[in-house]
Amino acid sequence: MCGNFPDYATIVVAANEKIDFHTGSGLEPFKLAFGFNIPVFVVITKVDCVRQVELNAQIQVVRLINWINRIKGEENSRNAFL
């Protein structure tokens, strides 16, 4: 990702794997893409291996990560004018 500037990043997340906020496991691709300010789209695989409740939880985690990134981006743009 550092050799050139990509237009977007695809992050593939398995539905049966957990993204752990405490250890940071699974957050590295998001941090890298957001750090370079690259638009991200997420593909969730193995949806047939989990129950609907677990799939919805995984979708909510991805939405939360995106929401946190948006808030950080707004704070950084506000601080640029101060």
Protein backbone atom coordinates (compact mmCIF):
# COMPACT_ATOMS: atom_id res chain seq x y z
CA MET A 1 0.00 0.00 0.00
CA CYS A 2 2.92 2.36 0.55
CA GLY A 3 4.47 2.02 -2.92
CA ASN A 4 1.64 3.81 -4.70
CA PHE A 5 -1.62 5.47 -3.79
CA PRO A 6 -4.59 3.13 -4.37
CA ASP A 7 -8.07 4.43 -5.12
CA TYR A 8 -9.72 2.16 -2.55
CA ALA A 9 -9.04 -0.80 -0.27
CA THR A 10 -10.97 -4.03 0.06
CA ILE A 11 -10.96 -5.59 3.51
CA VAL A 12 -12.20 -9.17 3.69
CA VAL A 13 -13.64 -10.23 7.04
CA ALA A 14 -14.73 -13.78 7.83
CA ALA A 15 -18.10 -13.87 9.55
CA ASN A 16 -16.93 -16.62 11.90
CA GLU A 17 -13.85 -14.64 13.07
CA LYS A 18 -14.15 -11.92 15.66
CA ILE A 19 -12.65 -8.43 15.47
CA ASP A 20 -11.31 -7.82 18.96
CA PHE A 21 -11.06 -4.21 20.12
CA HIS A 22 -9.07 -5.09 23.26
CA THR A 23 -6.17 -6.84 21.53
CA GLY A 24 -6.49 -4.99 18.22
CA SER A 25 -6.79 -8.29 16.38
CA GLY A 26 -8.35 -7.64 13.00
CA LEU A 27 -8.12 -3.86 13.26
CA GLU A 28 -4.75 -3.48 11.51
CA PRO A 29 -6.12 -3.34 7.93
CA PHE A 30 -8.67 -0.72 8.97
CA LYS A 31 -6.04 1.38 10.75
CA LEU A 32 -3.71 1.24 7.77
CA ALA A 33 -6.37 2.21 5.25
CA PHE A 34 -7.83 4.95 7.44
CA GLY A 35 -4.33 6.23 8.24
CA PHE A 36 -3.65 6.76 4.54
CA ASN A 37 -7.16 8.20 4.09
CA ILE A 38 -8.10 5.50 1.58
CA PRO A 39 -11.79 4.69 1.04
CA VAL A 40 -12.65 1.19 2.25
CA PHE A 41 -15.28 -1.34 1.41
CA VAL A 42 -15.71 -4.50 3.43
CA VAL A 43 -16.54 -7.97 2.14
CA ILE A 44 -17.89 -10.40 4.73
CA THR A 45 -17.29 -14.03 3.80
CA LYS A 46 -18.46 -17.35 5.27
CA VAL A 47 -21.92 -15.98 5.96
CA ASP A 48 -23.34 -19.48 5.57
CA CYS A 49 -21.27 -20.71 8.55
CA VAL A 50 -22.83 -18.47 11.20
CA ARG A 51 -26.25 -17.70 12.57
CA GLN A 52 -28.03 -14.49 11.58
CA VAL A 53 -27.41 -12.99 15.04
CA GLU A 54 -23.65 -13.48 14.72
CA LEU A 55 -23.68 -12.04 11.19
CA ASN A 56 -25.59 -8.97 12.37
CA ALA A 57 -23.06 -8.52 15.19
CA GLN A 58 -20.17 -8.61 12.71
CA ILE A 59 -21.91 -6.06 10.49
CA GLN A 60 -22.43 -3.78 13.50
CA VAL A 61 -18.73 -4.00 14.39
CA VAL A 62 -17.74 -2.95 10.87
CA ARG A 63 -20.22 -0.06 11.02
CA LEU A 64 -18.81 1.00 14.39
CA ILE A 65 -15.26 1.04 13.03
CA ASN A 66 -16.41 3.18 10.09
CA TRP A 67 -18.29 5.54 12.43
CA ILE A 68 -15.23 5.96 14.68
CA ASN A 69 -13.10 6.78 11.66
CA ARG A 70 -15.60 9.42 10.49
CA ILE A 71 -15.60 11.10 13.90
CA LYS A 72 -11.78 11.16 13.97
CA GLY A 73 -11.74 12.64 10.46
CA GLU A 74 -14.14 15.41 11.47
CA GLU A 75 -12.03 16.22 14.55
CA ASN A 76 -8.87 16.40 12.46
CA SER A 77 -10.48 18.70 9.90
CA ARG A 78 -11.74 20.98 12.70
CA ASN A 79 -8.31 21.12 14.31
CA ALA A 80 -6.70 22.07 10.98
CA PHE A 81 -8.49 25.42 11.07
CA LEU A 82 -7.58 26.24 14.69
